[in-house]
């Protein structure tokens, strides 16, 4: 389980290094991170964790189809793995499969209703789906959760996105 908690942090780093391909591209400017170095620290204790690690690596390499496949493999083994849902949702978002991405974020949030990254990415997915109200609600929730988690840089990114969406 320790490896899985670390994995979600890596998913965050890997996915935050790439801008969503939704209309919100300009809202999401992030420098590259050292995600690749961190990935090596995730232990591959079982097939699910090995697939999770490979999914993260593929996200980092912008192999979104491969990442989605790896995260799907995790979900075959562990159907309630929230990290796999968030990772697959991010991969699908980058593939412009917005409805599928939204479904993955919804599934993660149904299992655990306080996943800041799921709200964050679902916000951009909702924006791509032309649901501005839902996008704003998700980004506001993400900002609140990021602040509770003391992830102030991510909270600021969510707040900036909210301002740009409101101004558009």
N, C-alpha and C. Protein backbone atom coordinates (compact mmCIF):
# COMPACT_ATOMS: atom_id res chain seq x y z
N UNK A 1 0.83 -1.20 0.00
CA UNK A 1 0.00 0.00 0.00
C UNK A 1 0.87 1.26 0.00
N UNK A 2 2.03 1.18 0.67
CA UNK A 2 2.93 2.32 0.70
C UNK A 2 3.35 2.71 -0.71
N UNK A 3 3.60 1.69 -1.54
CA UNK A 3 3.97 1.94 -2.92
C UNK A 3 2.86 2.62 -3.69
N UNK A 4 1.62 2.26 -3.41
CA UNK A 4 0.49 2.87 -4.11
C UNK A 4 0.32 4.34 -3.73
N UNK A 5 0.53 4.66 -2.45
CA UNK A 5 0.42 6.07 -2.05
C UNK A 5 1.50 6.90 -2.74
N UNK A 6 2.68 6.33 -2.85
CA UNK A 6 3.75 7.02 -3.54
C UNK A 6 3.44 7.14 -5.03
N UNK A 7 2.77 6.12 -5.56
CA UNK A 7 2.43 6.11 -6.98
C UNK A 7 1.51 7.26 -7.35
N UNK A 8 0.57 7.58 -6.48
CA UNK A 8 -0.34 8.68 -6.81
C UNK A 8 0.42 10.00 -6.87
N UNK A 9 1.42 10.15 -6.03
CA UNK A 9 2.25 11.36 -6.10
C UNK A 9 2.99 11.41 -7.43
N UNK A 10 3.43 10.27 -7.89
CA UNK A 10 4.14 10.22 -9.16
C UNK A 10 3.19 10.49 -10.32
N UNK A 11 1.98 9.95 -10.23
CA UNK A 11 0.99 10.25 -11.27
C UNK A 11 0.78 11.76 -11.35
N UNK A 12 0.69 12.38 -10.19
CA UNK A 12 0.50 13.83 -10.17
C UNK A 12 1.66 14.53 -10.86
N UNK A 13 2.88 14.13 -10.52
CA UNK A 13 4.05 14.76 -11.13
C UNK A 13 4.10 14.50 -12.62
N UNK A 14 3.85 13.26 -13.01
CA UNK A 14 3.93 12.92 -14.44
C UNK A 14 2.87 13.64 -15.23
N UNK A 15 1.65 13.67 -14.72
CA UNK A 15 0.57 14.28 -15.49
C UNK A 15 0.64 15.80 -15.45
N UNK A 16 1.18 16.35 -14.40
CA UNK A 16 1.26 17.80 -14.32
C UNK A 16 2.38 18.38 -15.18
N UNK A 17 3.22 17.52 -15.76
CA UNK A 17 4.27 18.01 -16.64
C UNK A 17 3.77 18.24 -18.05
N UNK A 18 2.55 17.80 -18.35
CA UNK A 18 1.98 17.93 -19.69
C UNK A 18 0.69 18.73 -19.61
N UNK A 19 0.49 19.59 -20.58
CA UNK A 19 -0.73 20.41 -20.58
C UNK A 19 -1.88 19.59 -21.12
N UNK A 20 -3.07 19.72 -20.50
CA UNK A 20 -4.24 19.05 -21.06
C UNK A 20 -4.47 19.56 -22.48
N UNK A 21 -4.88 18.67 -23.34
CA UNK A 21 -5.10 19.04 -24.72
C UNK A 21 -6.49 19.60 -24.95
N UNK A 22 -7.22 19.80 -23.87
CA UNK A 22 -8.54 20.42 -23.97
C UNK A 22 -8.37 21.89 -24.31
N UNK A 23 -9.47 22.60 -24.39
CA UNK A 23 -9.40 24.03 -24.67
C UNK A 23 -8.66 24.78 -23.58
N UNK A 24 -8.40 24.14 -22.47
CA UNK A 24 -7.76 24.79 -21.33
C UNK A 24 -6.24 24.78 -21.43
N UNK A 25 -5.68 24.49 -22.59
CA UNK A 25 -4.24 24.38 -22.73
C UNK A 25 -3.51 25.57 -22.14
N UNK A 26 -3.96 26.76 -22.39
CA UNK A 26 -3.26 27.94 -21.90
C UNK A 26 -3.39 28.13 -20.40
N UNK A 27 -4.28 27.38 -19.77
CA UNK A 27 -4.49 27.52 -18.33
C UNK A 27 -3.51 26.70 -17.51
N UNK A 28 -2.71 25.92 -18.16
CA UNK A 28 -2.00 24.85 -17.46
C UNK A 28 -0.53 24.84 -17.85
N UNK A 29 0.21 25.86 -17.51
CA UNK A 29 1.62 25.95 -17.87
C UNK A 29 2.47 25.49 -16.70
N UNK A 30 3.18 24.37 -16.89
CA UNK A 30 3.99 23.79 -15.82
C UNK A 30 5.37 23.44 -16.33
N UNK A 31 6.39 23.64 -15.51
CA UNK A 31 7.73 23.21 -15.91
C UNK A 31 7.84 21.69 -15.80
N UNK A 32 8.81 21.14 -16.51
CA UNK A 32 9.07 19.71 -16.41
C UNK A 32 9.53 19.38 -14.99
N UNK A 33 9.21 18.17 -14.54
CA UNK A 33 9.62 17.73 -13.21
C UNK A 33 10.57 16.56 -13.33
N UNK A 34 11.04 16.10 -12.21
CA UNK A 34 11.92 14.94 -12.17
C UNK A 34 11.12 13.68 -11.94
N UNK A 35 9.97 13.59 -12.58
CA UNK A 35 9.09 12.43 -12.38
C UNK A 35 9.78 11.13 -12.73
N UNK A 36 10.57 11.15 -13.79
CA UNK A 36 11.23 9.91 -14.21
C UNK A 36 12.14 9.37 -13.11
N UNK A 37 12.82 10.24 -12.38
CA UNK A 37 13.69 9.80 -11.29
C UNK A 37 12.88 9.20 -10.15
N UNK A 38 11.70 9.78 -9.90
CA UNK A 38 10.87 9.29 -8.81
C UNK A 38 10.22 7.95 -9.15
N UNK A 39 9.92 7.75 -10.42
CA UNK A 39 9.25 6.52 -10.83
C UNK A 39 10.07 5.31 -10.44
N UNK A 40 11.38 5.42 -10.56
CA UNK A 40 12.25 4.28 -10.25
C UNK A 40 12.12 3.83 -8.80
N UNK A 41 11.60 4.68 -7.94
CA UNK A 41 11.48 4.34 -6.52
C UNK A 41 10.20 3.58 -6.20
N UNK A 42 9.28 3.45 -7.16
CA UNK A 42 8.03 2.73 -6.90
C UNK A 42 8.33 1.24 -6.96
N UNK A 43 8.11 0.52 -5.86
CA UNK A 43 8.38 -0.92 -5.88
C UNK A 43 7.33 -1.67 -6.70
N UNK A 44 7.78 -2.66 -7.42
CA UNK A 44 6.86 -3.49 -8.20
C UNK A 44 6.62 -4.78 -7.42
N UNK A 45 5.74 -4.71 -6.41
CA UNK A 45 5.52 -5.84 -5.51
C UNK A 45 4.53 -6.85 -6.07
N UNK A 46 3.68 -6.45 -6.97
CA UNK A 46 2.74 -7.37 -7.57
C UNK A 46 2.42 -6.89 -8.98
N UNK A 47 1.64 -7.66 -9.71
CA UNK A 47 1.33 -7.31 -11.09
C UNK A 47 0.60 -5.98 -11.20
N UNK A 48 -0.29 -5.68 -10.27
CA UNK A 48 -1.01 -4.41 -10.31
C UNK A 48 -0.04 -3.25 -10.13
N UNK A 49 0.85 -3.37 -9.16
CA UNK A 49 1.81 -2.28 -8.95
C UNK A 49 2.78 -2.15 -10.11
N UNK A 50 3.16 -3.28 -10.71
CA UNK A 50 4.04 -3.22 -11.88
C UNK A 50 3.34 -2.52 -13.04
N UNK A 51 2.07 -2.84 -13.26
CA UNK A 51 1.31 -2.17 -14.33
C UNK A 51 1.10 -0.70 -14.00
N UNK A 52 0.86 -0.38 -12.73
CA UNK A 52 0.71 1.01 -12.33
C UNK A 52 1.99 1.79 -12.63
N UNK A 53 3.11 1.20 -12.29
CA UNK A 53 4.41 1.84 -12.56
C UNK A 53 4.62 2.04 -14.06
N UNK A 54 4.32 1.03 -14.84
CA UNK A 54 4.47 1.15 -16.30
C UNK A 54 3.51 2.22 -16.85
N UNK A 55 2.31 2.29 -16.29
CA UNK A 55 1.36 3.32 -16.73
C UNK A 55 1.90 4.71 -16.47
N UNK A 56 2.48 4.90 -15.29
CA UNK A 56 3.06 6.19 -14.94
C UNK A 56 4.21 6.52 -15.88
N UNK A 57 5.05 5.54 -16.14
CA UNK A 57 6.18 5.75 -17.05
C UNK A 57 5.69 6.14 -18.44
N UNK A 58 4.63 5.48 -18.90
CA UNK A 58 4.10 5.79 -20.23
C UNK A 58 3.47 7.18 -20.27
N UNK A 59 2.81 7.58 -19.19
CA UNK A 59 2.29 8.95 -19.12
C UNK A 59 3.45 9.94 -19.25
N UNK A 60 4.52 9.67 -18.53
CA UNK A 60 5.68 10.56 -18.54
C UNK A 60 6.29 10.66 -19.94
N UNK A 61 6.20 9.58 -20.70
CA UNK A 61 6.75 9.55 -22.07
C UNK A 61 5.73 9.98 -23.11
N UNK A 62 4.56 10.43 -22.65
CA UNK A 62 3.47 10.86 -23.52
C UNK A 62 2.93 9.74 -24.41
N UNK A 63 3.08 8.51 -23.95
CA UNK A 63 2.48 7.35 -24.62
C UNK A 63 1.14 7.11 -23.94
N UNK A 64 0.16 7.93 -24.30
CA UNK A 64 -1.10 7.93 -23.59
C UNK A 64 -1.92 6.67 -23.83
N UNK A 65 -1.87 6.13 -25.04
CA UNK A 65 -2.60 4.90 -25.31
C UNK A 65 -2.00 3.75 -24.50
N UNK A 66 -0.68 3.68 -24.47
CA UNK A 66 -0.02 2.64 -23.67
C UNK A 66 -0.30 2.80 -22.18
N UNK A 67 -0.34 4.04 -21.73
CA UNK A 67 -0.64 4.31 -20.32
C UNK A 67 -2.05 3.86 -19.99
N UNK A 68 -3.00 4.19 -20.86
CA UNK A 68 -4.39 3.78 -20.62
C UNK A 68 -4.50 2.26 -20.55
N UNK A 69 -3.77 1.57 -21.40
CA UNK A 69 -3.78 0.11 -21.38
C UNK A 69 -3.22 -0.43 -20.07
N UNK A 70 -2.11 0.14 -19.60
CA UNK A 70 -1.51 -0.31 -18.34
C UNK A 70 -2.46 -0.07 -17.17
N UNK A 71 -3.08 1.10 -17.13
CA UNK A 71 -4.00 1.39 -16.04
C UNK A 71 -5.24 0.49 -16.11
N UNK A 72 -5.66 0.15 -17.33
CA UNK A 72 -6.77 -0.81 -17.47
C UNK A 72 -6.37 -2.17 -16.93
N UNK A 73 -5.12 -2.55 -17.14
CA UNK A 73 -4.62 -3.83 -16.60
C UNK A 73 -4.69 -3.82 -15.08
N UNK A 74 -4.34 -2.70 -14.47
CA UNK A 74 -4.43 -2.59 -13.01
C UNK A 74 -5.87 -2.80 -12.56
N UNK A 75 -6.79 -2.18 -13.28
CA UNK A 75 -8.21 -2.25 -12.89
C UNK A 75 -8.79 -3.65 -13.06
N UNK A 76 -8.22 -4.45 -13.94
CA UNK A 76 -8.65 -5.85 -14.06
C UNK A 76 -8.28 -6.63 -12.80
N UNK A 77 -7.16 -6.28 -12.19
CA UNK A 77 -6.68 -6.96 -10.99
C UNK A 77 -7.29 -6.35 -9.74
N UNK A 78 -7.34 -5.01 -9.71
CA UNK A 78 -7.84 -4.26 -8.56
C UNK A 78 -8.91 -3.27 -9.04
N UNK A 79 -10.15 -3.72 -9.14
CA UNK A 79 -11.20 -2.88 -9.72
C UNK A 79 -11.51 -1.60 -8.97
N UNK A 80 -11.04 -1.45 -7.75
CA UNK A 80 -11.29 -0.22 -6.99
C UNK A 80 -10.02 0.60 -6.80
N UNK A 81 -9.06 0.45 -7.66
CA UNK A 81 -7.79 1.18 -7.54
C UNK A 81 -7.98 2.60 -8.06
N UNK A 82 -8.09 3.54 -7.13
CA UNK A 82 -8.36 4.93 -7.51
C UNK A 82 -7.21 5.53 -8.32
N UNK A 83 -5.98 5.10 -8.06
CA UNK A 83 -4.82 5.64 -8.77
C UNK A 83 -4.88 5.25 -10.24
N UNK A 84 -5.32 4.03 -10.51
CA UNK A 84 -5.45 3.58 -11.90
C UNK A 84 -6.56 4.35 -12.61
N UNK A 85 -7.66 4.63 -11.91
CA UNK A 85 -8.73 5.42 -12.52
C UNK A 85 -8.25 6.83 -12.84
N UNK A 86 -7.54 7.45 -11.91
CA UNK A 86 -7.05 8.81 -12.16
C UNK A 86 -6.02 8.81 -13.28
N UNK A 87 -5.11 7.83 -13.26
CA UNK A 87 -4.10 7.75 -14.31
C UNK A 87 -4.72 7.49 -15.68
N UNK A 88 -5.68 6.55 -15.73
CA UNK A 88 -6.31 6.26 -17.01
C UNK A 88 -7.14 7.45 -17.47
N UNK A 89 -7.79 8.11 -16.52
CA UNK A 89 -8.55 9.31 -16.89
C UNK A 89 -7.65 10.38 -17.48
N UNK A 90 -6.49 10.58 -16.89
CA UNK A 90 -5.55 11.57 -17.42
C UNK A 90 -5.09 11.16 -18.82
N UNK A 91 -4.76 9.90 -19.00
CA UNK A 91 -4.34 9.43 -20.32
C UNK A 91 -5.45 9.64 -21.35
N UNK A 92 -6.67 9.30 -20.98
CA UNK A 92 -7.79 9.47 -21.90
C UNK A 92 -8.06 10.94 -22.19
N UNK A 93 -7.85 11.79 -21.21
CA UNK A 93 -8.02 13.22 -21.43
C UNK A 93 -7.03 13.69 -22.50
N UNK A 94 -5.76 13.25 -22.37
CA UNK A 94 -4.75 13.64 -23.35
C UNK A 94 -5.02 13.06 -24.73
N UNK A 95 -5.78 11.96 -24.78
CA UNK A 95 -6.17 11.35 -26.06
C UNK A 95 -7.45 11.97 -26.62
N UNK A 96 -7.94 13.00 -25.97
CA UNK A 96 -9.19 13.68 -26.35
C UNK A 96 -10.40 12.77 -26.23
N UNK A 97 -10.32 11.77 -25.38
CA UNK A 97 -11.45 10.88 -25.10
C UNK A 97 -12.12 11.39 -23.83
N UNK A 98 -12.73 12.55 -23.95
CA UNK A 98 -13.18 13.28 -22.78
C UNK A 98 -14.29 12.57 -21.99
N UNK A 99 -15.23 11.96 -22.68
CA UNK A 99 -16.31 11.29 -21.96
C UNK A 99 -15.77 10.09 -21.18
N UNK A 100 -14.85 9.34 -21.78
CA UNK A 100 -14.23 8.21 -21.08
C UNK A 100 -13.39 8.71 -19.90
N UNK A 101 -12.68 9.80 -20.10
CA UNK A 101 -11.87 10.37 -19.03
C UNK A 101 -12.77 10.79 -17.86
N UNK A 102 -13.85 11.46 -18.19
CA UNK A 102 -14.79 11.89 -17.14
C UNK A 102 -15.33 10.70 -16.37
N UNK A 103 -15.64 9.64 -17.07
CA UNK A 103 -16.13 8.43 -16.43
C UNK A 103 -15.10 7.86 -15.45
N UNK A 104 -13.83 7.88 -15.84
CA UNK A 104 -12.78 7.40 -14.95
C UNK A 104 -12.65 8.28 -13.70
N UNK A 105 -12.68 9.58 -13.89
CA UNK A 105 -12.60 10.47 -12.72
C UNK A 105 -13.82 10.29 -11.83
N UNK A 106 -15.00 10.12 -12.44
CA UNK A 106 -16.21 9.86 -11.66
C UNK A 106 -16.06 8.58 -10.84
N UNK A 107 -15.50 7.54 -11.45
CA UNK A 107 -15.32 6.26 -10.75
C UNK A 107 -14.37 6.41 -9.57
N UNK A 108 -13.28 7.13 -9.76
CA UNK A 108 -12.32 7.34 -8.67
C UNK A 108 -13.00 8.09 -7.52
N UNK A 109 -13.77 9.12 -7.87
CA UNK A 109 -14.41 9.94 -6.84
C UNK A 109 -15.56 9.21 -6.15
N UNK A 110 -16.16 8.25 -6.83
CA UNK A 110 -17.19 7.44 -6.20
C UNK A 110 -16.58 6.55 -5.11
N UNK A 111 -15.38 6.07 -5.36
CA UNK A 111 -14.68 5.22 -4.39
C UNK A 111 -14.13 6.06 -3.24
N UNK A 112 -13.49 7.16 -3.58
CA UNK A 112 -12.89 8.06 -2.59
C UNK A 112 -13.23 9.49 -3.00
N UNK A 113 -14.15 10.14 -2.29
CA UNK A 113 -14.69 11.42 -2.75
C UNK A 113 -13.80 12.66 -2.52
N UNK A 114 -12.59 12.48 -2.08
CA UNK A 114 -11.75 13.66 -1.81
C UNK A 114 -10.41 13.61 -2.53
N UNK A 115 -10.42 13.18 -3.78
CA UNK A 115 -9.18 13.10 -4.57
C UNK A 115 -9.02 14.41 -5.34
N UNK A 116 -8.11 15.22 -4.88
CA UNK A 116 -7.93 16.54 -5.47
C UNK A 116 -7.60 16.47 -6.96
N UNK A 117 -6.71 15.57 -7.35
CA UNK A 117 -6.32 15.48 -8.76
C UNK A 117 -7.48 15.04 -9.64
N UNK A 118 -8.34 14.18 -9.12
CA UNK A 118 -9.50 13.75 -9.92
C UNK A 118 -10.41 14.94 -10.20
N UNK A 119 -10.64 15.78 -9.20
CA UNK A 119 -11.45 16.99 -9.43
C UNK A 119 -10.76 17.93 -10.41
N UNK A 120 -9.46 18.08 -10.23
CA UNK A 120 -8.69 18.99 -11.07
C UNK A 120 -8.78 18.59 -12.54
N UNK A 121 -8.45 17.33 -12.83
CA UNK A 121 -8.48 16.88 -14.20
C UNK A 121 -9.91 16.77 -14.74
N UNK A 122 -10.86 16.41 -13.88
CA UNK A 122 -12.24 16.36 -14.35
C UNK A 122 -12.71 17.77 -14.70
N UNK A 123 -12.20 18.77 -13.99
CA UNK A 123 -12.54 20.15 -14.32
C UNK A 123 -12.14 20.50 -15.74
N UNK A 124 -10.92 20.14 -16.14
CA UNK A 124 -10.48 20.42 -17.51
C UNK A 124 -11.22 19.55 -18.51
N UNK A 125 -11.56 18.33 -18.10
CA UNK A 125 -12.34 17.45 -18.98
C UNK A 125 -13.73 18.03 -19.20
N UNK A 126 -14.35 18.52 -18.13
CA UNK A 126 -15.67 19.15 -18.28
C UNK A 126 -15.59 20.39 -19.16
N UNK A 127 -14.51 21.12 -19.06
CA UNK A 127 -14.34 22.29 -19.92
C UNK A 127 -14.28 21.85 -21.38
N UNK A 128 -13.56 20.78 -21.66
CA UNK A 128 -13.47 20.26 -23.03
C UNK A 128 -14.82 19.77 -23.51
N UNK A 129 -15.65 19.30 -22.58
CA UNK A 129 -17.00 18.84 -22.92
C UNK A 129 -18.01 19.98 -22.96
N UNK A 130 -17.52 21.21 -22.86
CA UNK A 130 -18.35 22.42 -22.95
C UNK A 130 -19.30 22.59 -21.77
N UNK A 131 -18.92 22.05 -20.61
CA UNK A 131 -19.73 22.21 -19.40
C UNK A 131 -18.96 23.12 -18.44
N UNK A 132 -19.08 24.41 -18.70
CA UNK A 132 -18.34 25.42 -17.95
C UNK A 132 -18.69 25.41 -16.46
N UNK A 133 -19.96 25.24 -16.14
CA UNK A 133 -20.38 25.24 -14.73
C UNK A 133 -19.76 24.08 -13.98
N UNK A 134 -19.78 22.90 -14.58
CA UNK A 134 -19.18 21.73 -13.93
C UNK A 134 -17.67 21.88 -13.83
N UNK A 135 -17.05 22.46 -14.85
CA UNK A 135 -15.61 22.69 -14.83
C UNK A 135 -15.24 23.60 -13.65
N UNK A 136 -15.98 24.68 -13.50
CA UNK A 136 -15.71 25.62 -12.41
C UNK A 136 -15.93 24.96 -11.05
N UNK A 137 -16.99 24.18 -10.91
CA UNK A 137 -17.26 23.50 -9.63
C UNK A 137 -16.14 22.53 -9.28
N UNK A 138 -15.68 21.76 -10.27
CA UNK A 138 -14.61 20.80 -10.01
C UNK A 138 -13.30 21.51 -9.67
N UNK A 139 -12.98 22.56 -10.38
CA UNK A 139 -11.73 23.27 -10.11
C UNK A 139 -11.77 23.96 -8.74
N UNK A 140 -12.94 24.45 -8.35
CA UNK A 140 -13.07 25.04 -7.00
C UNK A 140 -12.86 23.97 -5.93
N UNK A 141 -13.44 22.78 -6.15
CA UNK A 141 -13.26 21.69 -5.19
C UNK A 141 -11.79 21.25 -5.16
N UNK A 142 -11.16 21.17 -6.32
CA UNK A 142 -9.75 20.81 -6.37
C UNK A 142 -8.91 21.82 -5.59
N UNK A 143 -9.19 23.09 -5.79
CA UNK A 143 -8.45 24.14 -5.08
C UNK A 143 -8.60 23.98 -3.57
N UNK A 144 -9.82 23.77 -3.12
CA UNK A 144 -10.08 23.58 -1.69
C UNK A 144 -9.29 22.40 -1.15
N UNK A 145 -9.34 21.28 -1.85
CA UNK A 145 -8.63 20.08 -1.40
C UNK A 145 -7.12 20.27 -1.45
N UNK A 146 -6.62 20.91 -2.50
CA UNK A 146 -5.18 21.18 -2.58
C UNK A 146 -4.73 22.03 -1.38
N UNK A 147 -5.54 23.02 -1.01
CA UNK A 147 -5.19 23.86 0.14
C UNK A 147 -5.18 23.04 1.43
N UNK A 148 -6.15 22.14 1.59
CA UNK A 148 -6.18 21.27 2.77
C UNK A 148 -4.97 20.35 2.81
N UNK A 149 -4.48 19.96 1.64
CA UNK A 149 -3.32 19.07 1.54
C UNK A 149 -2.01 19.86 1.56
N UNK A 150 -2.09 21.17 1.69
CA UNK A 150 -0.94 22.07 1.68
C UNK A 150 -0.16 22.00 0.36
N UNK A 151 -0.90 21.79 -0.73
CA UNK A 151 -0.33 21.81 -2.07
C UNK A 151 -0.70 23.15 -2.69
N UNK A 152 -0.08 24.18 -2.16
CA UNK A 152 -0.50 25.54 -2.50
C UNK A 152 -0.20 25.90 -3.95
N UNK A 153 0.85 25.33 -4.53
CA UNK A 153 1.14 25.62 -5.93
C UNK A 153 0.04 25.07 -6.84
N UNK A 154 -0.46 23.90 -6.51
CA UNK A 154 -1.55 23.33 -7.30
C UNK A 154 -2.86 24.07 -7.06
N UNK A 155 -3.08 24.51 -5.82
CA UNK A 155 -4.27 25.31 -5.52
C UNK A 155 -4.24 26.60 -6.35
N UNK A 156 -3.06 27.20 -6.45
CA UNK A 156 -2.94 28.43 -7.24
C UNK A 156 -3.23 28.17 -8.71
N UNK A 157 -2.76 27.04 -9.23
CA UNK A 157 -3.04 26.69 -10.63
C UNK A 157 -4.54 26.53 -10.85
N UNK A 158 -5.22 25.88 -9.92
CA UNK A 158 -6.66 25.71 -10.03
C UNK A 158 -7.35 27.08 -9.96
N UNK A 159 -6.91 27.93 -9.03
CA UNK A 159 -7.49 29.26 -8.89
C UNK A 159 -7.29 30.10 -10.16
N UNK A 160 -6.09 30.00 -10.75
CA UNK A 160 -5.82 30.72 -11.98
C UNK A 160 -6.71 30.24 -13.12
N UNK A 161 -6.91 28.92 -13.20
CA UNK A 161 -7.78 28.36 -14.23
C UNK A 161 -9.20 28.86 -14.05
N UNK A 162 -9.66 28.90 -12.80
CA UNK A 162 -11.00 29.39 -12.51
C UNK A 162 -11.16 30.83 -13.00
N UNK A 163 -10.19 31.67 -12.71
CA UNK A 163 -10.26 33.07 -13.14
C UNK A 163 -10.32 33.19 -14.66
N UNK A 164 -9.50 32.39 -15.35
CA UNK A 164 -9.50 32.47 -16.81
C UNK A 164 -10.82 31.98 -17.41
N UNK A 165 -11.36 30.91 -16.82
CA UNK A 165 -12.63 30.38 -17.31
C UNK A 165 -13.75 31.39 -17.08
N UNK A 166 -13.76 31.98 -15.89
CA UNK A 166 -14.79 32.98 -15.58
C UNK A 166 -14.70 34.19 -16.49
N UNK A 167 -13.48 34.52 -16.89
CA UNK A 167 -13.29 35.69 -17.75
C UNK A 167 -13.61 35.40 -19.22
N UNK A 168 -13.69 34.13 -19.56
CA UNK A 168 -13.92 33.79 -20.98
C UNK A 168 -15.40 33.77 -21.35
